[in-house]
């Protein structure tokens, strides 16, 4: 996931940087620096961001009466 993709998904979900950090188990500054393109996060950080975004998207979908999304395994192309 690129910094732009992360920011776009977060904004579409109506989340602040602080909220994404909390849902992802990360420090707010890490999310800020990643979205600004100042750091290349470790793979585990990218997984945490993806899971945080997915958690909120699923909760919003359930609140809107949609069926829960199927669980998708996150695969990273590292290397």
C-alpha atoms as a PDB file:
ATOM      1  CA  UNK A   1       0.000   0.000   0.000  1.00  0.00           C
ATOM      2  CA  UNK A   2       1.344   3.416  -0.928  1.00  0.00           C
ATOM      3  CA  UNK A   3       1.094   6.457   1.337  1.00  0.00           C
ATOM      4  CA  UNK A   4      -1.499   7.944  -1.032  1.00  0.00           C
ATOM      5  CA  UNK A   5      -3.638   4.790  -0.941  1.00  0.00           C
ATOM      6  CA  UNK A   6      -3.527   4.747   2.838  1.00  0.00           C
ATOM      7  CA  UNK A   7      -4.532   8.398   3.128  1.00  0.00           C
ATOM      8  CA  UNK A   8      -7.301   8.030   0.534  1.00  0.00           C
ATOM      9  CA  UNK A   9      -8.795   4.972   2.240  1.00  0.00           C
ATOM     10  CA  UNK A  10      -8.583   6.628   5.660  1.00  0.00           C
ATOM     11  CA  UNK A  11     -10.310   9.785   4.409  1.00  0.00           C
ATOM     12  CA  UNK A  12     -13.020   7.781   2.590  1.00  0.00           C
ATOM     13  CA  UNK A  13     -13.726   5.984   5.857  1.00  0.00           C
ATOM     14  CA  UNK A  14     -13.985   9.329   7.657  1.00  0.00           C
ATOM     15  CA  UNK A  15     -11.080   8.570   9.975  1.00  0.00           C
ATOM     16  CA  UNK A  16      -8.516  10.888  11.463  1.00  0.00           C
ATOM     17  CA  UNK A  17      -4.839   9.957  11.615  1.00  0.00           C
ATOM     18  CA  UNK A  18      -5.288   9.485  15.362  1.00  0.00           C
ATOM     19  CA  UNK A  19      -8.196   7.065  14.844  1.00  0.00           C
ATOM     20  CA  UNK A  20      -6.270   5.002  12.299  1.00  0.00           C
ATOM     21  CA  UNK A  21      -3.285   4.828  14.611  1.00  0.00           C
ATOM     22  CA  UNK A  22      -5.491   3.625  17.496  1.00  0.00           C
ATOM     23  CA  UNK A  23      -7.249   0.993  15.348  1.00  0.00           C
ATOM     24  CA  UNK A  24      -3.914  -0.209  13.998  1.00  0.00           C
ATOM     25  CA  UNK A  25      -2.057  -0.296  17.306  1.00  0.00           C
ATOM     26  CA  UNK A  26       0.465   2.230  16.025  1.00  0.00           C
ATOM     27  CA  UNK A  27       1.768   5.581  17.159  1.00  0.00           C
ATOM     28  CA  UNK A  28       0.059   8.549  15.492  1.00  0.00           C
ATOM     29  CA  UNK A  29       3.398   9.945  14.331  1.00  0.00           C
ATOM     30  CA  UNK A  30       4.127   6.735  12.404  1.00  0.00           C
ATOM     31  CA  UNK A  31       0.910   7.094  10.398  1.00  0.00           C
ATOM     32  CA  UNK A  32       1.588  10.805   9.788  1.00  0.00           C
ATOM     33  CA  UNK A  33       5.128  10.158   8.552  1.00  0.00           C
ATOM     34  CA  UNK A  34       4.048   7.255   6.331  1.00  0.00           C
ATOM     35  CA  UNK A  35       1.238   9.230   4.705  1.00  0.00           C
ATOM     36  CA  UNK A  36       3.626  12.135   4.130  1.00  0.00           C
ATOM     37  CA  UNK A  37       6.065   9.766   2.390  1.00  0.00           C
ATOM     38  CA  UNK A  38       8.789  10.402   4.944  1.00  0.00           C
ATOM     39  CA  UNK A  39       9.305   6.778   5.963  1.00  0.00           C
ATOM     40  CA  UNK A  40       9.174   3.341   4.404  1.00  0.00           C
ATOM     41  CA  UNK A  41       7.473   1.295   7.105  1.00  0.00           C
ATOM     42  CA  UNK A  42       8.364  -2.252   8.018  1.00  0.00           C
ATOM     43  CA  UNK A  43       6.108  -4.960   6.599  1.00  0.00           C
ATOM     44  CA  UNK A  44       4.519  -5.534  10.017  1.00  0.00           C
ATOM     45  CA  UNK A  45       3.507  -1.852  10.126  1.00  0.00           C
ATOM     46  CA  UNK A  46       1.848  -2.094   6.719  1.00  0.00           C
ATOM     47  CA  UNK A  47      -0.066  -5.165   7.881  1.00  0.00           C
ATOM     48  CA  UNK A  48      -1.229  -3.255  10.972  1.00  0.00           C
ATOM     49  CA  UNK A  49      -2.425  -0.342   8.826  1.00  0.00           C
ATOM     50  CA  UNK A  50      -4.307  -2.651   6.467  1.00  0.00           C
ATOM     51  CA  UNK A  51      -5.958  -4.452   9.373  1.00  0.00           C
ATOM     52  CA  UNK A  52      -6.928  -1.159  11.032  1.00  0.00           C
ATOM     53  CA  UNK A  53      -8.533   0.133   7.835  1.00  0.00           C
ATOM     54  CA  UNK A  54     -10.289  -3.191   7.233  1.00  0.00           C
ATOM     55  CA  UNK A  55     -11.618  -3.277  10.794  1.00  0.00           C
ATOM     56  CA  UNK A  56     -13.259   0.130  10.426  1.00  0.00           C
ATOM     57  CA  UNK A  57     -14.582  -0.616   6.930  1.00  0.00           C
ATOM     58  CA  UNK A  58     -16.180  -3.835   8.191  1.00  0.00           C
ATOM     59  CA  UNK A  59     -17.724  -2.100  11.214  1.00  0.00           C
ATOM     60  CA  UNK A  60     -19.174   0.626   8.994  1.00  0.00           C
ATOM     61  CA  UNK A  61     -20.571  -1.940   6.572  1.00  0.00           C
ATOM     62  CA  UNK A  62     -22.244  -3.836   9.404  1.00  0.00           C
ATOM     63  CA  UNK A  63     -23.748  -0.631  10.780  1.00  0.00           C
ATOM     64  CA  UNK A  64     -25.181   0.059   7.321  1.00  0.00           C
ATOM     65  CA  UNK A  65     -26.788  -3.389   7.216  1.00  0.00           C
ATOM     66  CA  UNK A  66     -24.331  -4.993   4.829  1.00  0.00           C
ATOM     67  CA  UNK A  67     -23.118  -8.535   5.256  1.00  0.00           C
ATOM     68  CA  UNK A  68     -19.672  -8.870   6.861  1.00  0.00           C
ATOM     69  CA  UNK A  69     -16.834  -8.941   4.379  1.00  0.00           C
ATOM     70  CA  UNK A  70     -15.063 -12.270   3.945  1.00  0.00           C
ATOM     71  CA  UNK A  71     -11.745 -12.520   5.723  1.00  0.00           C
ATOM     72  CA  UNK A  72      -8.876 -12.018   3.304  1.00  0.00           C
ATOM     73  CA  UNK A  73      -5.364 -13.063   4.078  1.00  0.00           C
ATOM     74  CA  UNK A  74      -2.900 -10.195   3.656  1.00  0.00           C
ATOM     75  CA  UNK A  75       0.013 -11.142   1.456  1.00  0.00           C
ATOM     76  CA  UNK A  76       3.092  -8.984   1.190  1.00  0.00           C
ATOM     77  CA  UNK A  77       5.464  -8.972  -1.731  1.00  0.00           C
ATOM     78  CA  UNK A  78       8.620  -8.379   0.261  1.00  0.00           C
ATOM     79  CA  UNK A  79      11.945  -8.378  -1.429  1.00  0.00           C
END
